[in-house]
Amino acid sequence: MNIKRPKTIDEYIDLMHQAVYEIDEMRSSLDYDPEQAQQYGPFIDHLDAQVRQIYDDMVAGRYDWGYGEDLPFLPLVVKYGRFIPFQRLLMVINETHKNGLDLG
């Protein structure tokens, strides 16, 4: 998955929406695979809540850019990244939060 930093706010919101979708897909897979439930259990609820809060803030116009700071979910992504199939998506979202849109 070759994801680049978005160039517009709409593209950034779309990436966040995609992250919400991917988390929903991950959750639905837990219903059918108890082994995955053990892997994802320690972090999925926290990741879900944090990503949805950021997405909701974006849609409501309450989002604040990070200006060099990481998003709250980054420690979960770093710690459990090997279990997150869309880890790269979350890293690009965090990079955009810290460094802004790709205007260059």
PDB file of N, CA and C in Angstrom:
ATOM      1  N   MET A   1       0.845  -1.160   0.000  1.00  0.00           N
ATOM      2  CA  MET A   1       0.000   0.000   0.000  1.00  0.00           C
ATOM      3  C   MET A   1       0.897   1.231   0.000  1.00  0.00           C
ATOM      4  N   ASN A   2       0.892   1.956  -1.098  1.00  0.00           N
ATOM      5  CA  ASN A   2       1.708   3.152  -1.228  1.00  0.00           C
ATOM      6  C   ASN A   2       0.823   4.376  -1.042  1.00  0.00           C
ATOM      7  N   ILE A   3       0.796   4.869   0.174  1.00  0.00           N
ATOM      8  CA  ILE A   3      -0.047   6.011   0.515  1.00  0.00           C
ATOM      9  C   ILE A   3       0.857   7.220   0.698  1.00  0.00           C
ATOM     10  N   LYS A   4       0.467   8.327   0.086  1.00  0.00           N
ATOM     11  CA  LYS A   4       1.241   9.556   0.216  1.00  0.00           C
ATOM     12  C   LYS A   4       0.465  10.553   1.058  1.00  0.00           C
ATOM     13  N   ARG A   5       1.202  11.474   1.637  1.00  0.00           N
ATOM     14  CA  ARG A   5       0.579  12.534   2.421  1.00  0.00           C
ATOM     15  C   ARG A   5      -0.398  13.298   1.532  1.00  0.00           C
ATOM     16  N   PRO A   6      -1.590  13.571   2.042  1.00  0.00           N
ATOM     17  CA  PRO A   6      -2.597  14.247   1.222  1.00  0.00           C
ATOM     18  C   PRO A   6      -2.211  15.690   0.911  1.00  0.00           C
ATOM     19  N   LYS A   7      -2.779  16.182  -0.196  1.00  0.00           N
ATOM     20  CA  LYS A   7      -2.497  17.544  -0.635  1.00  0.00           C
ATOM     21  C   LYS A   7      -3.610  18.517  -0.228  1.00  0.00           C
ATOM     22  N   THR A   8      -4.790  17.987   0.104  1.00  0.00           N
ATOM     23  CA  THR A   8      -5.914  18.850   0.479  1.00  0.00           C
ATOM     24  C   THR A   8      -6.534  18.342   1.783  1.00  0.00           C
ATOM     25  N   ILE A   9      -7.301  19.200   2.413  1.00  0.00           N
ATOM     26  CA  ILE A   9      -7.999  18.818   3.637  1.00  0.00           C
ATOM     27  C   ILE A   9      -9.006  17.716   3.339  1.00  0.00           C
ATOM     28  N   ASP A  10      -9.683  17.801   2.202  1.00  0.00           N
ATOM     29  CA  ASP A  10     -10.645  16.752   1.842  1.00  0.00           C
ATOM     30  C   ASP A  10      -9.963  15.401   1.703  1.00  0.00           C
ATOM     31  N   GLU A  11      -8.779  15.368   1.112  1.00  0.00           N
ATOM     32  CA  GLU A  11      -8.032  14.112   1.001  1.00  0.00           C
ATOM     33  C   GLU A  11      -7.644  13.594   2.382  1.00  0.00           C
ATOM     34  N   TYR A  12      -7.289  14.496   3.277  1.00  0.00           N
ATOM     35  CA  TYR A  12      -6.922  14.118   4.641  1.00  0.00           C
ATOM     36  C   TYR A  12      -8.127  13.530   5.376  1.00  0.00           C
ATOM     37  N   ILE A  13      -9.274  14.169   5.245  1.00  0.00           N
ATOM     38  CA  ILE A  13     -10.496  13.640   5.860  1.00  0.00           C
ATOM     39  C   ILE A  13     -10.830  12.281   5.267  1.00  0.00           C
ATOM     40  N   ASP A  14     -10.632  12.114   3.962  1.00  0.00           N
ATOM     41  CA  ASP A  14     -10.871  10.817   3.324  1.00  0.00           C
ATOM     42  C   ASP A  14      -9.957   9.735   3.901  1.00  0.00           C
ATOM     43  N   LEU A  15      -8.697  10.082   4.175  1.00  0.00           N
ATOM     44  CA  LEU A  15      -7.783   9.107   4.794  1.00  0.00           C
ATOM     45  C   LEU A  15      -8.280   8.713   6.177  1.00  0.00           C
ATOM     46  N   MET A  16      -8.751   9.683   6.948  1.00  0.00           N
ATOM     47  CA  MET A  16      -9.296   9.375   8.276  1.00  0.00           C
ATOM     48  C   MET A  16     -10.518   8.483   8.160  1.00  0.00           C
ATOM     49  N   HIS A  17     -11.373   8.774   7.190  1.00  0.00           N
ATOM     50  CA  HIS A  17     -12.564   7.944   6.978  1.00  0.00           C
ATOM     51  C   HIS A  17     -12.158   6.523   6.598  1.00  0.00           C
ATOM     52  N   GLN A  18     -11.135   6.395   5.789  1.00  0.00           N
ATOM     53  CA  GLN A  18     -10.631   5.078   5.413  1.00  0.00           C
ATOM     54  C   GLN A  18     -10.120   4.329   6.649  1.00  0.00           C
ATOM     55  N   ALA A  19      -9.461   5.037   7.561  1.00  0.00           N
ATOM     56  CA  ALA A  19      -8.972   4.413   8.798  1.00  0.00           C
ATOM     57  C   ALA A  19     -10.137   3.907   9.640  1.00  0.00           C
ATOM     58  N   VAL A  20     -11.199   4.697   9.735  1.00  0.00           N
ATOM     59  CA  VAL A  20     -12.396   4.263  10.471  1.00  0.00           C
ATOM     60  C   VAL A  20     -12.958   2.997   9.831  1.00  0.00           C
ATOM     61  N   TYR A  21     -13.042   2.979   8.512  1.00  0.00           N
ATOM     62  CA  TYR A  21     -13.528   1.806   7.783  1.00  0.00           C
ATOM     63  C   TYR A  21     -12.646   0.586   8.054  1.00  0.00           C
ATOM     64  N   GLU A  22     -11.338   0.769   7.996  1.00  0.00           N
ATOM     65  CA  GLU A  22     -10.416  -0.354   8.225  1.00  0.00           C
ATOM     66  C   GLU A  22     -10.566  -0.913   9.643  1.00  0.00           C
ATOM     67  N   ILE A  23     -10.781  -0.047  10.602  1.00  0.00           N
ATOM     68  CA  ILE A  23     -10.991  -0.512  11.976  1.00  0.00           C
ATOM     69  C   ILE A  23     -12.296  -1.303  12.062  1.00  0.00           C
ATOM     70  N   ASP A  24     -13.341  -0.822  11.395  1.00  0.00           N
ATOM     71  CA  ASP A  24     -14.605  -1.568  11.363  1.00  0.00           C
ATOM     72  C   ASP A  24     -14.416  -2.943  10.742  1.00  0.00           C
ATOM     73  N   GLU A  25     -13.653  -3.010   9.673  1.00  0.00           N
ATOM     74  CA  GLU A  25     -13.369  -4.299   9.028  1.00  0.00           C
ATOM     75  C   GLU A  25     -12.586  -5.223   9.965  1.00  0.00           C
ATOM     76  N   MET A  26     -11.615  -4.657  10.657  1.00  0.00           N
ATOM     77  CA  MET A  26     -10.827  -5.450  11.601  1.00  0.00           C
ATOM     78  C   MET A  26     -11.740  -6.002  12.699  1.00  0.00           C
ATOM     79  N   ARG A  27     -12.617  -5.159  13.214  1.00  0.00           N
ATOM     80  CA  ARG A  27     -13.551  -5.589  14.255  1.00  0.00           C
ATOM     81  C   ARG A  27     -14.460  -6.723  13.769  1.00  0.00           C
ATOM     82  N   SER A  28     -14.950  -6.602  12.550  1.00  0.00           N
ATOM     83  CA  SER A  28     -15.845  -7.634  12.034  1.00  0.00           C
ATOM     84  C   SER A  28     -15.122  -8.962  11.865  1.00  0.00           C
ATOM     85  N   SER A  29     -13.834  -8.917  11.588  1.00  0.00           N
ATOM     86  CA  SER A  29     -13.077 -10.174  11.451  1.00  0.00           C
ATOM     87  C   SER A  29     -12.902 -10.869  12.803  1.00  0.00           C
ATOM     88  N   LEU A  30     -12.973 -10.111  13.883  1.00  0.00           N
ATOM     89  CA  LEU A  30     -12.813 -10.704  15.215  1.00  0.00           C
ATOM     90  C   LEU A  30     -13.963 -11.653  15.554  1.00  0.00           C
ATOM     91  N   ASP A  31     -15.123 -11.402  14.964  1.00  0.00           N
ATOM     92  CA  ASP A  31     -16.276 -12.269  15.220  1.00  0.00           C
ATOM     93  C   ASP A  31     -16.065 -13.676  14.688  1.00  0.00           C
ATOM     94  N   TYR A  32     -15.195 -13.812  13.695  1.00  0.00           N
ATOM     95  CA  TYR A  32     -15.012 -15.096  13.031  1.00  0.00           C
ATOM     96  C   TYR A  32     -13.690 -15.782  13.344  1.00  0.00           C
ATOM     97  N   ASP A  33     -12.807 -15.087  14.015  1.00  0.00           N
ATOM     98  CA  ASP A  33     -11.480 -15.650  14.264  1.00  0.00           C
ATOM     99  C   ASP A  33     -11.022 -15.328  15.686  1.00  0.00           C
ATOM    100  N   PRO A  34     -11.233 -16.262  16.619  1.00  0.00           N
ATOM    101  CA  PRO A  34     -10.845 -16.011  18.012  1.00  0.00           C
ATOM    102  C   PRO A  34      -9.353 -15.729  18.191  1.00  0.00           C
ATOM    103  N   GLU A  35      -8.517 -16.296  17.331  1.00  0.00           N
ATOM    104  CA  GLU A  35      -7.074 -16.049  17.433  1.00  0.00           C
ATOM    105  C   GLU A  35      -6.769 -14.573  17.174  1.00  0.00           C
ATOM    106  N   GLN A  36      -7.426 -14.008  16.168  1.00  0.00           N
ATOM    107  CA  GLN A  36      -7.236 -12.581  15.898  1.00  0.00           C
ATOM    108  C   GLN A  36      -7.770 -11.737  17.043  1.00  0.00           C
ATOM    109  N   ALA A  37      -8.840 -12.193  17.661  1.00  0.00           N
ATOM    110  CA  ALA A  37      -9.404 -11.456  18.794  1.00  0.00           C
ATOM    111  C   ALA A  37      -8.370 -11.336  19.913  1.00  0.00           C
ATOM    112  N   GLN A  38      -7.576 -12.367  20.116  1.00  0.00           N
ATOM    113  CA  GLN A  38      -6.526 -12.309  21.140  1.00  0.00           C
ATOM    114  C   GLN A  38      -5.435 -11.316  20.743  1.00  0.00           C
ATOM    115  N   GLN A  39      -5.102 -11.265  19.456  1.00  0.00           N
ATOM    116  CA  GLN A  39      -4.068 -10.340  18.991  1.00  0.00           C
ATOM    117  C   GLN A  39      -4.544  -8.891  19.057  1.00  0.00           C
ATOM    118  N   TYR A  40      -5.767  -8.632  18.598  1.00  0.00           N
ATOM    119  CA  TYR A  40      -6.268  -7.268  18.482  1.00  0.00           C
ATOM    120  C   TYR A  40      -6.882  -6.745  19.770  1.00  0.00           C
ATOM    121  N   GLY A  41      -7.295  -7.638  20.640  1.00  0.00           N
ATOM    122  CA  GLY A  41      -7.986  -7.259  21.863  1.00  0.00           C
ATOM    123  C   GLY A  41      -7.318  -6.185  22.693  1.00  0.00           C
ATOM    124  N   PRO A  42      -5.997  -6.256  22.891  1.00  0.00           N
ATOM    125  CA  PRO A  42      -5.340  -5.281  23.775  1.00  0.00           C
ATOM    126  C   PRO A  42      -5.399  -3.829  23.281  1.00  0.00           C
ATOM    127  N   PHE A  43      -5.674  -3.606  22.005  1.00  0.00           N
ATOM    128  CA  PHE A  43      -5.570  -2.232  21.509  1.00  0.00           C
ATOM    129  C   PHE A  43      -6.734  -1.756  20.651  1.00  0.00           C
ATOM    130  N   ILE A  44      -7.553  -2.637  20.136  1.00  0.00           N
ATOM    131  CA  ILE A  44      -8.548  -2.234  19.138  1.00  0.00           C
ATOM    132  C   ILE A  44      -9.548  -1.212  19.683  1.00  0.00           C
ATOM    133  N   ASP A  45      -9.994  -1.371  20.922  1.00  0.00           N
ATOM    134  CA  ASP A  45     -10.976  -0.430  21.476  1.00  0.00           C
ATOM    135  C   ASP A  45     -10.391   0.976  21.598  1.00  0.00           C
ATOM    136  N   HIS A  46      -9.153   1.061  22.077  1.00  0.00           N
ATOM    137  CA  HIS A  46      -8.508   2.369  22.234  1.00  0.00           C
ATOM    138  C   HIS A  46      -8.233   3.014  20.873  1.00  0.00           C
ATOM    139  N   LEU A  47      -7.731   2.212  19.950  1.00  0.00           N
ATOM    140  CA  LEU A  47      -7.441   2.728  18.617  1.00  0.00           C
ATOM    141  C   LEU A  47      -8.728   3.226  17.964  1.00  0.00           C
ATOM    142  N   ASP A  48      -9.775   2.443  18.061  1.00  0.00           N
ATOM    143  CA  ASP A  48     -11.061   2.801  17.480  1.00  0.00           C
ATOM    144  C   ASP A  48     -11.563   4.123  18.056  1.00  0.00           C
ATOM    145  N   ALA A  49     -11.565   4.253  19.357  1.00  0.00           N
ATOM    146  CA  ALA A  49     -12.066   5.471  20.006  1.00  0.00           C
ATOM    147  C   ALA A  49     -11.248   6.696  19.607  1.00  0.00           C
ATOM    148  N   GLN A  50      -9.934   6.546  19.557  1.00  0.00           N
ATOM    149  CA  GLN A  50      -9.082   7.688  19.239  1.00  0.00           C
ATOM    150  C   GLN A  50      -9.223   8.116  17.779  1.00  0.00           C
ATOM    151  N   VAL A  51      -9.269   7.148  16.867  1.00  0.00           N
ATOM    152  CA  VAL A  51      -9.402   7.482  15.448  1.00  0.00           C
ATOM    153  C   VAL A  51     -10.771   8.104  15.181  1.00  0.00           C
ATOM    154  N   ARG A  52     -11.818   7.537  15.758  1.00  0.00           N
ATOM    155  CA  ARG A  52     -13.167   8.098  15.556  1.00  0.00           C
ATOM    156  C   ARG A  52     -13.287   9.511  16.126  1.00  0.00           C
ATOM    157  N   GLN A  53     -12.651   9.760  17.264  1.00  0.00           N
ATOM    158  CA  GLN A  53     -12.696  11.103  17.847  1.00  0.00           C
ATOM    159  C   GLN A  53     -12.044  12.117  16.923  1.00  0.00           C
ATOM    160  N   ILE A  54     -10.912  11.762  16.362  1.00  0.00           N
ATOM    161  CA  ILE A  54     -10.220  12.663  15.437  1.00  0.00           C
ATOM    162  C   ILE A  54     -11.071  12.895  14.189  1.00  0.00           C
ATOM    163  N   TYR A  55     -11.644  11.815  13.653  1.00  0.00           N
ATOM    164  CA  TYR A  55     -12.498  11.944  12.473  1.00  0.00           C
ATOM    165  C   TYR A  55     -13.705  12.833  12.780  1.00  0.00           C
ATOM    166  N   ASP A  56     -14.356  12.596  13.912  1.00  0.00           N
ATOM    167  CA  ASP A  56     -15.511  13.412  14.309  1.00  0.00           C
ATOM    168  C   ASP A  56     -15.117  14.878  14.459  1.00  0.00           C
ATOM    169  N   ASP A  57     -13.943  15.124  15.049  1.00  0.00           N
ATOM    170  CA  ASP A  57     -13.458  16.500  15.187  1.00  0.00           C
ATOM    171  C   ASP A  57     -13.233  17.149  13.823  1.00  0.00           C
ATOM    172  N   MET A  58     -12.695  16.386  12.879  1.00  0.00           N
ATOM    173  CA  MET A  58     -12.470  16.916  11.537  1.00  0.00           C
ATOM    174  C   MET A  58     -13.787  17.309  10.885  1.00  0.00           C
ATOM    175  N   VAL A  59     -14.743  16.400  10.931  1.00  0.00           N
ATOM    176  CA  VAL A  59     -16.031  16.633  10.281  1.00  0.00           C
ATOM    177  C   VAL A  59     -16.761  17.818  10.924  1.00  0.00           C
ATOM    178  N   ALA A  60     -16.604  17.965  12.240  1.00  0.00           N
ATOM    179  CA  ALA A  60     -17.285  19.045  12.964  1.00  0.00           C
ATOM    180  C   ALA A  60     -16.511  20.363  12.938  1.00  0.00           C
ATOM    181  N   GLY A  61     -15.324  20.368  12.330  1.00  0.00           N
ATOM    182  CA  GLY A  61     -14.531  21.589  12.259  1.00  0.00           C
ATOM    183  C   GLY A  61     -13.774  21.919  13.534  1.00  0.00           C
ATOM    184  N   ARG A  62     -13.572  20.916  14.398  1.00  0.00           N
ATOM    185  CA  ARG A  62     -12.864  21.132  15.667  1.00  0.00           C
ATOM    186  C   ARG A  62     -11.433  20.588  15.654  1.00  0.00           C
ATOM    187  N   TYR A  63     -10.977  20.112  14.524  1.00  0.00           N
ATOM    188  CA  TYR A  63      -9.654  19.486  14.440  1.00  0.00           C
ATOM    189  C   TYR A  63      -8.548  20.520  14.575  1.00  0.00           C
ATOM    190  N   ASP A  64      -7.535  20.196  15.368  1.00  0.00           N
ATOM    191  CA  ASP A  64      -6.353  21.051  15.520  1.00  0.00           C
ATOM    192  C   ASP A  64      -5.130  20.324  14.974  1.00  0.00           C
ATOM    193  N   TRP A  65      -4.373  20.991  14.119  1.00  0.00           N
ATOM    194  CA  TRP A  65      -3.142  20.414  13.568  1.00  0.00           C
ATOM    195  C   TRP A  65      -2.122  20.227  14.677  1.00  0.00           C
ATOM    196  N   GLY A  66      -1.255  19.245  14.512  1.00  0.00           N
ATOM    197  CA  GLY A  66      -0.300  18.885  15.543  1.00  0.00           C
ATOM    198  C   GLY A  66       0.917  19.770  15.656  1.00  0.00           C
ATOM    199  N   TYR A  67       1.334  20.383  14.565  1.00  0.00           N
ATOM    200  CA  TYR A  67       2.526  21.241  14.573  1.00  0.00           C
ATOM    201  C   TYR A  67       3.691  20.570  15.298  1.00  0.00           C
ATOM    202  N   GLY A  68       4.028  19.383  14.821  1.00  0.00           N
ATOM    203  CA  GLY A  68       5.177  18.671  15.361  1.00  0.00           C
ATOM    204  C   GLY A  68       4.837  17.606  16.385  1.00  0.00           C
ATOM    205  N   GLU A  69       3.602  17.548  16.845  1.00  0.00           N
ATOM    206  CA  GLU A  69       3.217  16.542  17.844  1.00  0.00           C
ATOM    207  C   GLU A  69       2.491  15.379  17.189  1.00  0.00           C
ATOM    208  N   ASP A  70       2.686  14.192  17.760  1.00  0.00           N
ATOM    209  CA  ASP A  70       2.027  12.986  17.265  1.00  0.00           C
ATOM    210  C   ASP A  70       0.574  12.940  17.711  1.00  0.00           C
ATOM    211  N   LEU A  71      -0.218  12.190  16.952  1.00  0.00           N
ATOM    212  CA  LEU A  71      -1.596  11.929  17.342  1.00  0.00           C
ATOM    213  C   LEU A  71      -1.624  10.965  18.523  1.00  0.00           C
ATOM    214  N   PRO A  72      -2.688  10.990  19.313  1.00  0.00           N
ATOM    215  CA  PRO A  72      -2.757  10.144  20.512  1.00  0.00           C
ATOM    216  C   PRO A  72      -2.653   8.650  20.234  1.00  0.00           C
ATOM    217  N   PHE A  73      -3.037   8.207  19.026  1.00  0.00           N
ATOM    218  CA  PHE A  73      -3.013   6.770  18.744  1.00  0.00           C
ATOM    219  C   PHE A  73      -1.645   6.248  18.321  1.00  0.00           C
ATOM    220  N   LEU A  74      -0.683   7.128  18.089  1.00  0.00           N
ATOM    221  CA  LEU A  74       0.611   6.670  17.569  1.00  0.00           C
ATOM    222  C   LEU A  74       1.296   5.633  18.464  1.00  0.00           C
ATOM    223  N   PRO A  75       1.310   5.788  19.794  1.00  0.00           N
ATOM    224  CA  PRO A  75       1.946   4.746  20.614  1.00  0.00           C
ATOM    225  C   PRO A  75       1.329   3.353  20.407  1.00  0.00           C
ATOM    226  N   LEU A  76       0.026   3.288  20.174  1.00  0.00           N
ATOM    227  CA  LEU A  76      -0.617   1.997  19.893  1.00  0.00           C
ATOM    228  C   LEU A  76      -0.148   1.438  18.555  1.00  0.00           C
ATOM    229  N   VAL A  77      -0.020   2.313  17.562  1.00  0.00           N
ATOM    230  CA  VAL A  77       0.420   1.883  16.238  1.00  0.00           C
ATOM    231  C   VAL A  77       1.860   1.380  16.294  1.00  0.00           C
ATOM    232  N   VAL A  78       2.686   2.056  17.051  1.00  0.00           N
ATOM    233  CA  VAL A  78       4.081   1.633  17.180  1.00  0.00           C
ATOM    234  C   VAL A  78       4.164   0.292  17.918  1.00  0.00           C
ATOM    235  N   LYS A  79       3.424   0.171  18.992  1.00  0.00           N
ATOM    236  CA  LYS A  79       3.498  -1.044  19.811  1.00  0.00           C
ATOM    237  C   LYS A  79       2.872  -2.255  19.131  1.00  0.00           C
ATOM    238  N   TYR A  80       1.725  -2.061  18.460  1.00  0.00           N
ATOM    239  CA  TYR A  80       0.982  -3.190  17.894  1.00  0.00           C
ATOM    240  C   TYR A  80       0.977  -3.191  16.370  1.00  0.00           C
ATOM    241  N   GLY A  81       1.836  -2.417  15.760  1.00  0.00           N
ATOM    242  CA  GLY A  81       1.847  -2.274  14.314  1.00  0.00           C
ATOM    243  C   GLY A  81       1.876  -3.568  13.529  1.00  0.00           C
ATOM    244  N   ARG A  82       2.567  -4.554  14.040  1.00  0.00           N
ATOM    245  CA  ARG A  82       2.656  -5.821  13.300  1.00  0.00           C
ATOM    246  C   ARG A  82       1.302  -6.514  13.188  1.00  0.00           C
ATOM    247  N   PHE A  83       0.334  -6.122  14.014  1.00  0.00           N
ATOM    248  CA  PHE A  83      -1.009  -6.702  13.980  1.00  0.00           C
ATOM    249  C   PHE A  83      -2.001  -5.825  13.214  1.00  0.00           C
ATOM    250  N   ILE A  84      -1.553  -4.676  12.756  1.00  0.00           N
ATOM    251  CA  ILE A  84      -2.447  -3.727  12.087  1.00  0.00           C
ATOM    252  C   ILE A  84      -2.142  -3.724  10.596  1.00  0.00           C
ATOM    253  N   PRO A  85      -3.027  -4.324   9.793  1.00  0.00           N
ATOM    254  CA  PRO A  85      -2.752  -4.391   8.350  1.00  0.00           C
ATOM    255  C   PRO A  85      -2.698  -3.023   7.670  1.00  0.00           C
ATOM    256  N   PHE A  86      -3.298  -2.014   8.270  1.00  0.00           N
ATOM    257  CA  PHE A  86      -3.321  -0.673   7.690  1.00  0.00           C
ATOM    258  C   PHE A  86      -2.429   0.280   8.493  1.00  0.00           C
ATOM    259  N   GLN A  87      -1.369  -0.257   9.039  1.00  0.00           N
ATOM    260  CA  GLN A  87      -0.428   0.539   9.825  1.00  0.00           C
ATOM    261  C   GLN A  87       0.113   1.725   9.016  1.00  0.00           C
ATOM    262  N   ARG A  88       0.453   1.506   7.765  1.00  0.00           N
ATOM    263  CA  ARG A  88       1.009   2.571   6.920  1.00  0.00           C
ATOM    264  C   ARG A  88       0.009   3.729   6.791  1.00  0.00           C
ATOM    265  N   LEU A  89      -1.266   3.418   6.646  1.00  0.00           N
ATOM    266  CA  LEU A  89      -2.295   4.454   6.566  1.00  0.00           C
ATOM    267  C   LEU A  89      -2.276   5.325   7.823  1.00  0.00           C
ATOM    268  N   LEU A  90      -2.215   4.694   8.988  1.00  0.00           N
ATOM    269  CA  LEU A  90      -2.193   5.432  10.242  1.00  0.00           C
ATOM    270  C   LEU A  90      -0.919   6.266  10.386  1.00  0.00           C
ATOM    271  N   MET A  91       0.188   5.749   9.888  1.00  0.00           N
ATOM    272  CA  MET A  91       1.448   6.499   9.948  1.00  0.00           C
ATOM    273  C   MET A  91       1.393   7.745   9.047  1.00  0.00           C
ATOM    274  N   VAL A  92       0.778   7.611   7.873  1.00  0.00           N
ATOM    275  CA  VAL A  92       0.646   8.762   6.969  1.00  0.00           C
ATOM    276  C   VAL A  92      -0.285   9.804   7.580  1.00  0.00           C
ATOM    277  N   ILE A  93      -1.354   9.349   8.221  1.00  0.00           N
ATOM    278  CA  ILE A  93      -2.256  10.283   8.903  1.00  0.00           C
ATOM    279  C   ILE A  93      -1.497  11.041   9.988  1.00  0.00           C
ATOM    280  N   ASN A  94      -0.709  10.325  10.770  1.00  0.00           N
ATOM    281  CA  ASN A  94       0.073  10.977  11.823  1.00  0.00           C
ATOM    282  C   ASN A  94       1.096  11.953  11.240  1.00  0.00           C
ATOM    283  N   GLU A  95       1.759  11.542  10.173  1.00  0.00           N
ATOM    284  CA  GLU A  95       2.750  12.415   9.526  1.00  0.00           C
ATOM    285  C   GLU A  95       2.084  13.700   9.023  1.00  0.00           C
ATOM    286  N   THR A  96       0.884  13.578   8.485  1.00  0.00           N
ATOM    287  CA  THR A  96       0.155  14.744   8.009  1.00  0.00           C
ATOM    288  C   THR A  96      -0.249  15.643   9.166  1.00  0.00           C
ATOM    289  N   HIS A  97      -0.662  15.036  10.256  1.00  0.00           N
ATOM    290  CA  HIS A  97      -1.028  15.796  11.462  1.00  0.00           C
ATOM    291  C   HIS A  97       0.164  16.616  11.958  1.00  0.00           C
ATOM    292  N   LYS A  98       1.330  15.993  11.986  1.00  0.00           N
ATOM    293  CA  LYS A  98       2.547  16.656  12.489  1.00  0.00           C
ATOM    294  C   LYS A  98       3.094  17.703  11.536  1.00  0.00           C
ATOM    295  N   ASN A  99       3.109  17.370  10.248  1.00  0.00           N
ATOM    296  CA  ASN A  99       3.848  18.183   9.278  1.00  0.00           C
ATOM    297  C   ASN A  99       2.963  18.956   8.309  1.00  0.00           C
ATOM    298  N   GLY A 100       1.660  18.752   8.375  1.00  0.00           N
ATOM    299  CA  GLY A 100       0.749  19.450   7.472  1.00  0.00           C
ATOM    300  C   GLY A 100       0.569  18.728   6.144  1.00  0.00           C
ATOM    301  N   LEU A 101      -0.214  19.335   5.292  1.00  0.00           N
ATOM    302  CA  LEU A 101      -0.503  18.772   3.984  1.00  0.00           C
ATOM    303  C   LEU A 101       0.738  18.823   3.099  1.00  0.00           C
ATOM    304  N   ASP A 102       0.757  17.970   2.081  1.00  0.00           N
ATOM    305  CA  ASP A 102       1.875  17.930   1.124  1.00  0.00           C
ATOM    306  C   ASP A 102       1.629  18.990   0.059  1.00  0.00           C
ATOM    307  N   LEU A 103       2.087  20.171   0.313  1.00  0.00           N
ATOM    308  CA  LEU A 103       1.851  21.283  -0.610  1.00  0.00           C
ATOM    309  C   LEU A 103       2.968  21.468  -1.614  1.00  0.00           C
ATOM    310  N   GLY A 104       4.005  20.659  -1.474  1.00  0.00           N
ATOM    311  CA  GLY A 104       5.171  20.821  -2.335  1.00  0.00           C
ATOM    312  C   GLY A 104       5.188  19.975  -3.484  1.00  0.00           C
TER     313      GLY A 104
END
